[in-house]
Amino acid sequence: MTQSQMIQPAGSSAMTVATPPVGWKLDPALRAIILPAVTAAGLIALWEAAVPLLGIPHVLLPPPSAIAVRLVQLFFPLILQHAIPTILESLIAFVISSILGVVLAGVLSSSKIVREALYPNVVFFQLIPKIALAPLFIVWFGIGSESRIAFSIFISFFPVVVATLAGLDNVDRELLRLCKALRASEWQVFRDVRIPFAIPYMFSGMKIATTFSIIGIIVGEFVTSQAGLGYLILFASAQAETELIFAAITVLCIFGLVFYGLVAMAESYLRKKLGS
């Protein structure tokens, strides 16, 4: 008699029941959501309890409950009013830097001479401390949104270039030899082989660029701006409004998570469509 059978009284028909699972396992996709959420909730609860227990003044570190209250009180219209320009400028900078990074990576991959001439210079400019260049962008582009977007593009496109270039260069050599044997043109190999293969690498760089684009805009708003979450954080710090600072940072974190999630969803959709 197997594990899926029960002992029956004499003369009764045999009954078969499903064997209970030996162990319980959480679905990986669900676990990827639940575990970080539970960890974050635990840290927030610990933070909430530690502030009154340790007697920390709210001006130094307010509890999450006070930050949430402040966020609800000032979200309409103050925080939302400053969040809109930051979000729009970050999106513009991200799109331009992604396009620029992918195009530049394609150019560097297609020509060895161009790569040897340009790539070391691109790396050199990225070694310069970015914050030191922010005033120069204001001199070049003025105090408007153009300077903030240009600065954000400058610090965002490099991860896209490096990641995309790595994907374009690391195509299976056997596959390239097969394309050569089939007399495929360089453009056909680039379009049908290199680009599909480079998509995971490309989106890895774009995921990093989501963070960098927001950082670039915030730094620009710190230097010169009359609107935006960076300006609001700077203004709140001058007024010792710590709760407002954390409320603005919370909005930035939410936007960053949504932004990253949209890029990850676009990657998943494109990879399924191309079968990569």
C-alpha atoms as a PDB file:
ATOM      1  CA  MET A   1       0.000   0.000   0.000  1.00  0.00           C
ATOM      2  CA  THR A   2       1.400   3.386  -0.992  1.00  0.00           C
ATOM      3  CA  GLN A   3       1.542   6.627   1.004  1.00  0.00           C
ATOM      4  CA  SER A   4      -1.436   7.929  -0.979  1.00  0.00           C
ATOM      5  CA  GLN A   5      -3.702   5.141   0.304  1.00  0.00           C
ATOM      6  CA  MET A   6      -5.383   4.822   3.656  1.00  0.00           C
ATOM      7  CA  ILE A   7      -5.936   1.572   5.550  1.00  0.00           C
ATOM      8  CA  GLN A   8      -9.547   0.577   5.012  1.00  0.00           C
ATOM      9  CA  PRO A   9     -11.774  -1.714   7.044  1.00  0.00           C
ATOM     10  CA  ALA A  10     -12.421  -5.145   5.629  1.00  0.00           C
ATOM     11  CA  GLY A  11     -14.950  -5.170   2.830  1.00  0.00           C
ATOM     12  CA  SER A  12     -14.725  -1.464   2.129  1.00  0.00           C
ATOM     13  CA  SER A  13     -13.400  -0.033  -1.093  1.00  0.00           C
ATOM     14  CA  ALA A  14      -9.979   1.545  -1.131  1.00  0.00           C
ATOM     15  CA  MET A  15      -9.813   5.305  -0.958  1.00  0.00           C
ATOM     16  CA  THR A  16      -6.992   7.322  -2.414  1.00  0.00           C
ATOM     17  CA  VAL A  17      -6.104  10.714  -1.021  1.00  0.00           C
ATOM     18  CA  ALA A  18      -3.485  13.211  -2.084  1.00  0.00           C
ATOM     19  CA  THR A  19      -0.227  12.952  -0.247  1.00  0.00           C
ATOM     20  CA  PRO A  20       0.470  16.155   1.704  1.00  0.00           C
ATOM     21  CA  PRO A  21       3.615  17.984   0.664  1.00  0.00           C
ATOM     22  CA  VAL A  22       6.706  17.099   2.626  1.00  0.00           C
ATOM     23  CA  GLY A  23       7.769  20.740   2.980  1.00  0.00           C
ATOM     24  CA  TRP A  24       6.264  24.142   2.256  1.00  0.00           C
ATOM     25  CA  LYS A  25       8.049  26.468  -0.113  1.00  0.00           C
ATOM     26  CA  LEU A  26       7.164  30.036  -1.033  1.00  0.00           C
ATOM     27  CA  ASP A  27       6.900  30.884  -4.696  1.00  0.00           C
ATOM     28  CA  PRO A  28      10.166  32.641  -5.758  1.00  0.00           C
ATOM     29  CA  ALA A  29       8.356  35.567  -7.382  1.00  0.00           C
ATOM     30  CA  LEU A  30       6.204  36.054  -4.281  1.00  0.00           C
ATOM     31  CA  ARG A  31       9.191  35.643  -2.001  1.00  0.00           C
ATOM     32  CA  ALA A  32      11.060  38.369  -3.881  1.00  0.00           C
ATOM     33  CA  ILE A  33       8.260  40.754  -2.889  1.00  0.00           C
ATOM     34  CA  ILE A  34       7.375  39.509   0.591  1.00  0.00           C
ATOM     35  CA  LEU A  35      10.863  39.211   2.087  1.00  0.00           C
ATOM     36  CA  PRO A  36      11.994  42.793   1.313  1.00  0.00           C
ATOM     37  CA  ALA A  37       8.599  44.131   2.401  1.00  0.00           C
ATOM     38  CA  VAL A  38       8.728  42.253   5.712  1.00  0.00           C
ATOM     39  CA  THR A  39      12.321  43.366   6.293  1.00  0.00           C
ATOM     40  CA  ALA A  40      11.451  47.010   5.579  1.00  0.00           C
ATOM     41  CA  ALA A  41       8.396  46.810   7.842  1.00  0.00           C
ATOM     42  CA  GLY A  42      10.548  45.359  10.627  1.00  0.00           C
ATOM     43  CA  LEU A  43      13.139  48.125  10.297  1.00  0.00           C
ATOM     44  CA  ILE A  44      10.411  50.800  10.295  1.00  0.00           C
ATOM     45  CA  ALA A  45       8.843  49.274  13.416  1.00  0.00           C
ATOM     46  CA  LEU A  46      12.265  49.199  15.097  1.00  0.00           C
ATOM     47  CA  TRP A  47      12.806  52.847  14.122  1.00  0.00           C
ATOM     48  CA  GLU A  48       9.358  53.796  15.478  1.00  0.00           C
ATOM     49  CA  ALA A  49      10.091  52.125  18.804  1.00  0.00           C
ATOM     50  CA  ALA A  50      13.696  53.340  19.146  1.00  0.00           C
ATOM     51  CA  VAL A  51      12.955  57.080  18.858  1.00  0.00           C
ATOM     52  CA  PRO A  52      10.855  57.401  22.071  1.00  0.00           C
ATOM     53  CA  LEU A  53      12.788  54.711  23.946  1.00  0.00           C
ATOM     54  CA  LEU A  54      16.131  56.434  23.338  1.00  0.00           C
ATOM     55  CA  GLY A  55      14.667  59.895  23.789  1.00  0.00           C
ATOM     56  CA  ILE A  56      15.815  61.110  20.369  1.00  0.00           C
ATOM     57  CA  PRO A  57      14.515  64.626  19.603  1.00  0.00           C
ATOM     58  CA  HIS A  58      12.225  64.785  16.590  1.00  0.00           C
ATOM     59  CA  VAL A  59      14.341  67.552  15.117  1.00  0.00           C
ATOM     60  CA  LEU A  60      17.174  65.042  14.794  1.00  0.00           C
ATOM     61  CA  LEU A  61      15.240  61.907  13.870  1.00  0.00           C
ATOM     62  CA  PRO A  62      11.445  61.916  13.777  1.00  0.00           C
ATOM     63  CA  PRO A  63       9.590  58.584  13.989  1.00  0.00           C
ATOM     64  CA  PRO A  64       7.995  57.177  10.822  1.00  0.00           C
ATOM     65  CA  SER A  65       4.512  57.951  12.148  1.00  0.00           C
ATOM     66  CA  ALA A  66       5.324  61.669  12.413  1.00  0.00           C
ATOM     67  CA  ILE A  67       6.824  61.619   8.917  1.00  0.00           C
ATOM     68  CA  ALA A  68       3.686  59.939   7.553  1.00  0.00           C
ATOM     69  CA  VAL A  69       1.463  62.544   9.199  1.00  0.00           C
ATOM     70  CA  ARG A  70       3.562  65.352   7.740  1.00  0.00           C
ATOM     71  CA  LEU A  71       3.504  63.713   4.326  1.00  0.00           C
ATOM     72  CA  VAL A  72      -0.288  63.481   4.349  1.00  0.00           C
ATOM     73  CA  GLN A  73      -0.666  67.037   5.613  1.00  0.00           C
ATOM     74  CA  LEU A  74       1.602  68.644   3.013  1.00  0.00           C
ATOM     75  CA  PHE A  75       1.302  66.319   0.023  1.00  0.00           C
ATOM     76  CA  PHE A  76      -1.417  68.498  -1.518  1.00  0.00           C
ATOM     77  CA  PRO A  77      -0.315  70.871  -2.824  1.00  0.00           C
ATOM     78  CA  LEU A  78       3.213  71.541  -1.477  1.00  0.00           C
ATOM     79  CA  ILE A  79       5.054  68.237  -1.926  1.00  0.00           C
ATOM     80  CA  LEU A  80       3.197  67.290  -5.116  1.00  0.00           C
ATOM     81  CA  GLN A  81       3.893  70.722  -6.579  1.00  0.00           C
ATOM     82  CA  HIS A  82       7.633  70.218  -6.056  1.00  0.00           C
ATOM     83  CA  ALA A  83       7.589  66.537  -7.045  1.00  0.00           C
ATOM     84  CA  ILE A  84       6.217  67.142 -10.551  1.00  0.00           C
ATOM     85  CA  PRO A  85       9.222  69.066 -11.973  1.00  0.00           C
ATOM     86  CA  THR A  86      11.676  66.638 -10.370  1.00  0.00           C
ATOM     87  CA  ILE A  87       9.893  63.618 -11.853  1.00  0.00           C
ATOM     88  CA  LEU A  88       9.490  65.127 -15.320  1.00  0.00           C
ATOM     89  CA  GLU A  89      13.109  66.272 -15.537  1.00  0.00           C
ATOM     90  CA  SER A  90      14.360  62.888 -14.273  1.00  0.00           C
ATOM     91  CA  LEU A  91      12.330  61.078 -16.939  1.00  0.00           C
ATOM     92  CA  ILE A  92      13.603  63.383 -19.693  1.00  0.00           C
ATOM     93  CA  ALA A  93      17.201  62.952 -18.565  1.00  0.00           C
ATOM     94  CA  PHE A  94      16.791  59.174 -18.343  1.00  0.00           C
ATOM     95  CA  VAL A  95      15.323  58.827 -21.836  1.00  0.00           C
ATOM     96  CA  ILE A  96      17.997  61.009 -23.442  1.00  0.00           C
ATOM     97  CA  SER A  97      20.855  59.363 -21.539  1.00  0.00           C
ATOM     98  CA  SER A  98      19.573  55.875 -22.437  1.00  0.00           C
ATOM     99  CA  ILE A  99      19.319  56.708 -26.134  1.00  0.00           C
ATOM    100  CA  LEU A 100      22.710  58.431 -26.099  1.00  0.00           C
ATOM    101  CA  GLY A 101      24.329  55.552 -24.210  1.00  0.00           C
ATOM    102  CA  VAL A 102      22.956  52.843 -26.517  1.00  0.00           C
ATOM    103  CA  VAL A 103      23.901  54.757 -29.670  1.00  0.00           C
ATOM    104  CA  LEU A 104      27.411  55.499 -28.402  1.00  0.00           C
ATOM    105  CA  ALA A 105      27.894  51.868 -27.381  1.00  0.00           C
ATOM    106  CA  GLY A 106      26.826  50.777 -30.867  1.00  0.00           C
ATOM    107  CA  VAL A 107      29.322  53.160 -32.465  1.00  0.00           C
ATOM    108  CA  LEU A 108      32.140  52.014 -30.179  1.00  0.00           C
ATOM    109  CA  SER A 109      31.346  48.364 -30.860  1.00  0.00           C
ATOM    110  CA  SER A 110      31.223  48.765 -34.630  1.00  0.00           C
ATOM    111  CA  SER A 111      34.571  50.538 -35.083  1.00  0.00           C
ATOM    112  CA  LYS A 112      37.808  49.617 -33.369  1.00  0.00           C
ATOM    113  CA  ILE A 113      39.436  52.932 -34.278  1.00  0.00           C
ATOM    114  CA  VAL A 114      36.538  54.970 -32.893  1.00  0.00           C
ATOM    115  CA  ARG A 115      36.573  52.862 -29.757  1.00  0.00           C
ATOM    116  CA  GLU A 116      40.273  53.387 -29.167  1.00  0.00           C
ATOM    117  CA  ALA A 117      39.858  57.116 -29.751  1.00  0.00           C
ATOM    118  CA  LEU A 118      36.704  57.806 -27.724  1.00  0.00           C
ATOM    119  CA  TYR A 119      36.293  55.225 -24.990  1.00  0.00           C
ATOM    120  CA  PRO A 120      39.342  56.233 -22.881  1.00  0.00           C
ATOM    121  CA  ASN A 121      38.150  59.845 -22.979  1.00  0.00           C
ATOM    122  CA  VAL A 122      34.640  58.848 -21.905  1.00  0.00           C
ATOM    123  CA  VAL A 123      36.136  56.946 -18.962  1.00  0.00           C
ATOM    124  CA  PHE A 124      38.389  59.901 -18.119  1.00  0.00           C
ATOM    125  CA  PHE A 125      35.483  62.341 -17.899  1.00  0.00           C
ATOM    126  CA  GLN A 126      33.603  59.924 -15.663  1.00  0.00           C
ATOM    127  CA  LEU A 127      36.522  59.897 -13.215  1.00  0.00           C
ATOM    128  CA  ILE A 128      36.021  63.609 -12.509  1.00  0.00           C
ATOM    129  CA  PRO A 129      33.975  64.213  -9.325  1.00  0.00           C
ATOM    130  CA  LYS A 130      30.510  64.971 -10.682  1.00  0.00           C
ATOM    131  CA  ILE A 131      29.514  67.496  -8.049  1.00  0.00           C
ATOM    132  CA  ALA A 132      32.511  69.648  -9.015  1.00  0.00           C
ATOM    133  CA  LEU A 133      31.104  70.023 -12.537  1.00  0.00           C
ATOM    134  CA  ALA A 134      27.603  71.091 -11.513  1.00  0.00           C
ATOM    135  CA  PRO A 135      28.462  74.839 -11.403  1.00  0.00           C
ATOM    136  CA  LEU A 136      29.925  74.589 -14.915  1.00  0.00           C
ATOM    137  CA  PHE A 137      26.641  73.291 -16.295  1.00  0.00           C
ATOM    138  CA  ILE A 138      24.926  76.320 -14.767  1.00  0.00           C
ATOM    139  CA  VAL A 139      27.425  78.610 -16.511  1.00  0.00           C
ATOM    140  CA  TRP A 140      26.934  76.799 -19.818  1.00  0.00           C
ATOM    141  CA  PHE A 141      23.165  76.265 -19.760  1.00  0.00           C
ATOM    142  CA  GLY A 142      21.859  78.848 -17.293  1.00  0.00           C
ATOM    143  CA  ILE A 143      19.816  78.419 -14.132  1.00  0.00           C
ATOM    144  CA  GLY A 144      16.810  76.775 -15.770  1.00  0.00           C
ATOM    145  CA  SER A 145      15.887  73.141 -16.168  1.00  0.00           C
ATOM    146  CA  GLU A 146      18.311  72.775 -19.099  1.00  0.00           C
ATOM    147  CA  SER A 147      21.344  72.804 -16.800  1.00  0.00           C
ATOM    148  CA  ARG A 148      19.831  70.206 -14.453  1.00  0.00           C
ATOM    149  CA  ILE A 149      18.826  67.900 -17.297  1.00  0.00           C
ATOM    150  CA  ALA A 150      22.231  68.245 -18.985  1.00  0.00           C
ATOM    151  CA  PHE A 151      24.028  67.462 -15.724  1.00  0.00           C
ATOM    152  CA  SER A 152      21.759  64.467 -15.100  1.00  0.00           C
ATOM    153  CA  ILE A 153      22.411  63.147 -18.607  1.00  0.00           C
ATOM    154  CA  PHE A 154      26.141  63.544 -18.076  1.00  0.00           C
ATOM    155  CA  ILE A 155      26.176  61.280 -15.032  1.00  0.00           C
ATOM    156  CA  SER A 156      23.500  58.851 -16.275  1.00  0.00           C
ATOM    157  CA  PHE A 157      24.599  57.791 -19.742  1.00  0.00           C
ATOM    158  CA  PHE A 158      27.922  56.194 -18.745  1.00  0.00           C
ATOM    159  CA  PRO A 159      26.436  53.049 -17.078  1.00  0.00           C
ATOM    160  CA  VAL A 160      24.296  52.504 -20.174  1.00  0.00           C
ATOM    161  CA  VAL A 161      27.350  52.806 -22.434  1.00  0.00           C
ATOM    162  CA  VAL A 162      29.469  50.372 -20.410  1.00  0.00           C
ATOM    163  CA  ALA A 163      26.727  47.780 -19.933  1.00  0.00           C
ATOM    164  CA  THR A 164      25.503  47.885 -23.544  1.00  0.00           C
ATOM    165  CA  LEU A 165      29.046  47.711 -24.891  1.00  0.00           C
ATOM    166  CA  ALA A 166      29.715  44.647 -22.743  1.00  0.00           C
ATOM    167  CA  GLY A 167      26.623  42.977 -24.172  1.00  0.00           C
ATOM    168  CA  LEU A 168      27.529  43.802 -27.765  1.00  0.00           C
ATOM    169  CA  ASP A 169      31.062  42.462 -27.282  1.00  0.00           C
ATOM    170  CA  ASN A 170      30.214  39.240 -25.431  1.00  0.00           C
ATOM    171  CA  VAL A 171      28.171  37.543 -28.135  1.00  0.00           C
ATOM    172  CA  ASP A 172      28.861  33.817 -28.549  1.00  0.00           C
ATOM    173  CA  ARG A 173      31.786  33.478 -30.978  1.00  0.00           C
ATOM    174  CA  GLU A 174      30.378  30.285 -32.448  1.00  0.00           C
ATOM    175  CA  LEU A 175      27.217  32.173 -33.358  1.00  0.00           C
ATOM    176  CA  LEU A 176      29.248  34.931 -35.015  1.00  0.00           C
ATOM    177  CA  ARG A 177      31.185  32.351 -37.029  1.00  0.00           C
ATOM    178  CA  LEU A 178      27.894  30.795 -38.118  1.00  0.00           C
ATOM    179  CA  CYS A 179      26.628  34.201 -39.285  1.00  0.00           C
ATOM    180  CA  LYS A 180      29.852  34.700 -41.220  1.00  0.00           C
ATOM    181  CA  ALA A 181      29.502  31.289 -42.820  1.00  0.00           C
ATOM    182  CA  LEU A 182      25.962  32.220 -43.891  1.00  0.00           C
ATOM    183  CA  ARG A 183      27.353  35.423 -45.442  1.00  0.00           C
ATOM    184  CA  ALA A 184      25.332  37.708 -43.174  1.00  0.00           C
ATOM    185  CA  SER A 185      26.259  41.370 -43.438  1.00  0.00           C
ATOM    186  CA  GLU A 186      27.666  43.315 -40.511  1.00  0.00           C
ATOM    187  CA  TRP A 187      24.392  45.197 -40.172  1.00  0.00           C
ATOM    188  CA  GLN A 188      22.386  41.943 -40.134  1.00  0.00           C
ATOM    189  CA  VAL A 189      24.670  40.492 -37.452  1.00  0.00           C
ATOM    190  CA  PHE A 190      24.389  43.687 -35.409  1.00  0.00           C
ATOM    191  CA  ARG A 191      20.613  43.893 -35.748  1.00  0.00           C
ATOM    192  CA  ASP A 192      19.659  40.228 -35.400  1.00  0.00           C
ATOM    193  CA  VAL A 193      22.387  38.877 -33.114  1.00  0.00           C
ATOM    194  CA  ARG A 194      24.275  41.509 -31.163  1.00  0.00           C
ATOM    195  CA  ILE A 195      21.357  43.737 -30.166  1.00  0.00           C
ATOM    196  CA  PRO A 196      19.075  40.898 -28.905  1.00  0.00           C
ATOM    197  CA  PHE A 197      21.995  39.423 -26.998  1.00  0.00           C
ATOM    198  CA  ALA A 198      22.845  42.820 -25.459  1.00  0.00           C
ATOM    199  CA  ILE A 199      19.320  43.564 -24.197  1.00  0.00           C
ATOM    200  CA  PRO A 200      19.867  42.179 -20.643  1.00  0.00           C
ATOM    201  CA  TYR A 201      23.115  44.135 -20.386  1.00  0.00           C
ATOM    202  CA  MET A 202      21.470  47.255 -21.778  1.00  0.00           C
ATOM    203  CA  PHE A 203      18.677  47.171 -19.236  1.00  0.00           C
ATOM    204  CA  SER A 204      21.152  46.538 -16.429  1.00  0.00           C
ATOM    205  CA  GLY A 205      22.783  49.847 -17.319  1.00  0.00           C
ATOM    206  CA  MET A 206      19.394  51.531 -17.643  1.00  0.00           C
ATOM    207  CA  LYS A 207      18.391  50.355 -14.169  1.00  0.00           C
ATOM    208  CA  ILE A 208      21.476  52.081 -12.782  1.00  0.00           C
ATOM    209  CA  ALA A 209      20.678  55.133 -14.889  1.00  0.00           C
ATOM    210  CA  THR A 210      17.262  55.448 -13.232  1.00  0.00           C
ATOM    211  CA  THR A 211      18.984  56.206  -9.938  1.00  0.00           C
ATOM    212  CA  PHE A 212      21.664  58.417 -11.468  1.00  0.00           C
ATOM    213  CA  SER A 213      19.135  60.505 -13.397  1.00  0.00           C
ATOM    214  CA  ILE A 214      17.257  61.305 -10.186  1.00  0.00           C
ATOM    215  CA  ILE A 215      20.505  62.089  -8.361  1.00  0.00           C
ATOM    216  CA  GLY A 216      21.577  64.456 -11.139  1.00  0.00           C
ATOM    217  CA  ILE A 217      18.327  66.393 -10.992  1.00  0.00           C
ATOM    218  CA  ILE A 218      18.384  66.606  -7.185  1.00  0.00           C
ATOM    219  CA  VAL A 219      21.986  67.859  -7.196  1.00  0.00           C
ATOM    220  CA  GLY A 220      21.023  70.469  -9.789  1.00  0.00           C
ATOM    221  CA  GLU A 221      18.098  71.546  -7.617  1.00  0.00           C
ATOM    222  CA  PHE A 222      20.432  71.873  -4.649  1.00  0.00           C
ATOM    223  CA  VAL A 223      22.689  74.210  -6.613  1.00  0.00           C
ATOM    224  CA  THR A 224      20.126  76.388  -8.350  1.00  0.00           C
ATOM    225  CA  SER A 225      16.372  75.953  -8.397  1.00  0.00           C
ATOM    226  CA  GLN A 226      13.188  77.509  -7.082  1.00  0.00           C
ATOM    227  CA  ALA A 227      11.166  74.305  -7.371  1.00  0.00           C
ATOM    228  CA  GLY A 228      11.603  70.559  -7.085  1.00  0.00           C
ATOM    229  CA  LEU A 229      12.077  68.089  -4.258  1.00  0.00           C
ATOM    230  CA  GLY A 230      15.757  68.985  -3.994  1.00  0.00           C
ATOM    231  CA  TYR A 231      14.852  72.613  -3.435  1.00  0.00           C
ATOM    232  CA  LEU A 232      12.176  71.569  -0.917  1.00  0.00           C
ATOM    233  CA  ILE A 233      14.717  69.456   1.028  1.00  0.00           C
ATOM    234  CA  LEU A 234      17.194  72.346   1.054  1.00  0.00           C
ATOM    235  CA  PHE A 235      14.491  74.781   2.185  1.00  0.00           C
ATOM    236  CA  ALA A 236      13.258  72.412   4.914  1.00  0.00           C
ATOM    237  CA  SER A 237      16.801  71.868   6.213  1.00  0.00           C
ATOM    238  CA  ALA A 238      17.254  75.627   6.564  1.00  0.00           C
ATOM    239  CA  GLN A 239      14.053  75.718   8.647  1.00  0.00           C
ATOM    240  CA  ALA A 240      15.020  72.608  10.672  1.00  0.00           C
ATOM    241  CA  GLU A 241      11.868  70.895   9.327  1.00  0.00           C
ATOM    242  CA  THR A 242      13.241  67.360   9.635  1.00  0.00           C
ATOM    243  CA  GLU A 243       9.861  65.741   9.171  1.00  0.00           C
ATOM    244  CA  LEU A 244       9.381  67.590   5.880  1.00  0.00           C
ATOM    245  CA  ILE A 245      12.853  66.521   4.743  1.00  0.00           C
ATOM    246  CA  PHE A 246      12.008  62.869   5.375  1.00  0.00           C
ATOM    247  CA  ALA A 247       8.604  63.295   3.722  1.00  0.00           C
ATOM    248  CA  ALA A 248      10.265  64.614   0.549  1.00  0.00           C
ATOM    249  CA  ILE A 249      12.827  61.792   0.665  1.00  0.00           C
ATOM    250  CA  THR A 250       9.974  59.283   1.016  1.00  0.00           C
ATOM    251  CA  VAL A 251       8.359  60.630  -2.156  1.00  0.00           C
ATOM    252  CA  LEU A 252      11.721  60.346  -3.922  1.00  0.00           C
ATOM    253  CA  CYS A 253      12.081  56.728  -2.772  1.00  0.00           C
ATOM    254  CA  ILE A 254       8.587  55.847  -3.980  1.00  0.00           C
ATOM    255  CA  PHE A 255       9.235  57.450  -7.338  1.00  0.00           C
ATOM    256  CA  GLY A 256      12.585  55.676  -7.625  1.00  0.00           C
ATOM    257  CA  LEU A 257      10.996  52.288  -6.910  1.00  0.00           C
ATOM    258  CA  VAL A 258       8.216  52.871  -9.435  1.00  0.00           C
ATOM    259  CA  PHE A 259      10.732  54.138 -11.992  1.00  0.00           C
ATOM    260  CA  TYR A 260      12.960  51.080 -11.516  1.00  0.00           C
ATOM    261  CA  GLY A 261       9.942  48.768 -11.671  1.00  0.00           C
ATOM    262  CA  LEU A 262       8.775  50.247 -14.983  1.00  0.00           C
ATOM    263  CA  VAL A 263      12.209  49.694 -16.507  1.00  0.00           C
ATOM    264  CA  ALA A 264      12.249  46.110 -15.203  1.00  0.00           C
ATOM    265  CA  MET A 265       8.782  45.507 -16.685  1.00  0.00           C
ATOM    266  CA  ALA A 266       9.910  46.921 -20.031  1.00  0.00           C
ATOM    267  CA  GLU A 267      12.912  44.573 -19.977  1.00  0.00           C
ATOM    268  CA  SER A 268      10.722  41.556 -19.207  1.00  0.00           C
ATOM    269  CA  TYR A 269       8.287  42.445 -21.988  1.00  0.00           C
ATOM    270  CA  LEU A 270      11.011  43.018 -24.568  1.00  0.00           C
ATOM    271  CA  ARG A 271      12.888  39.844 -23.699  1.00  0.00           C
ATOM    272  CA  LYS A 272       9.717  37.784 -23.998  1.00  0.00           C
ATOM    273  CA  LYS A 273       8.855  39.398 -27.300  1.00  0.00           C
ATOM    274  CA  LEU A 274      12.299  38.749 -28.735  1.00  0.00           C
ATOM    275  CA  GLY A 275      12.565  35.328 -27.117  1.00  0.00           C
ATOM    276  CA  SER A 276      15.886  36.136 -25.481  1.00  0.00           C
END
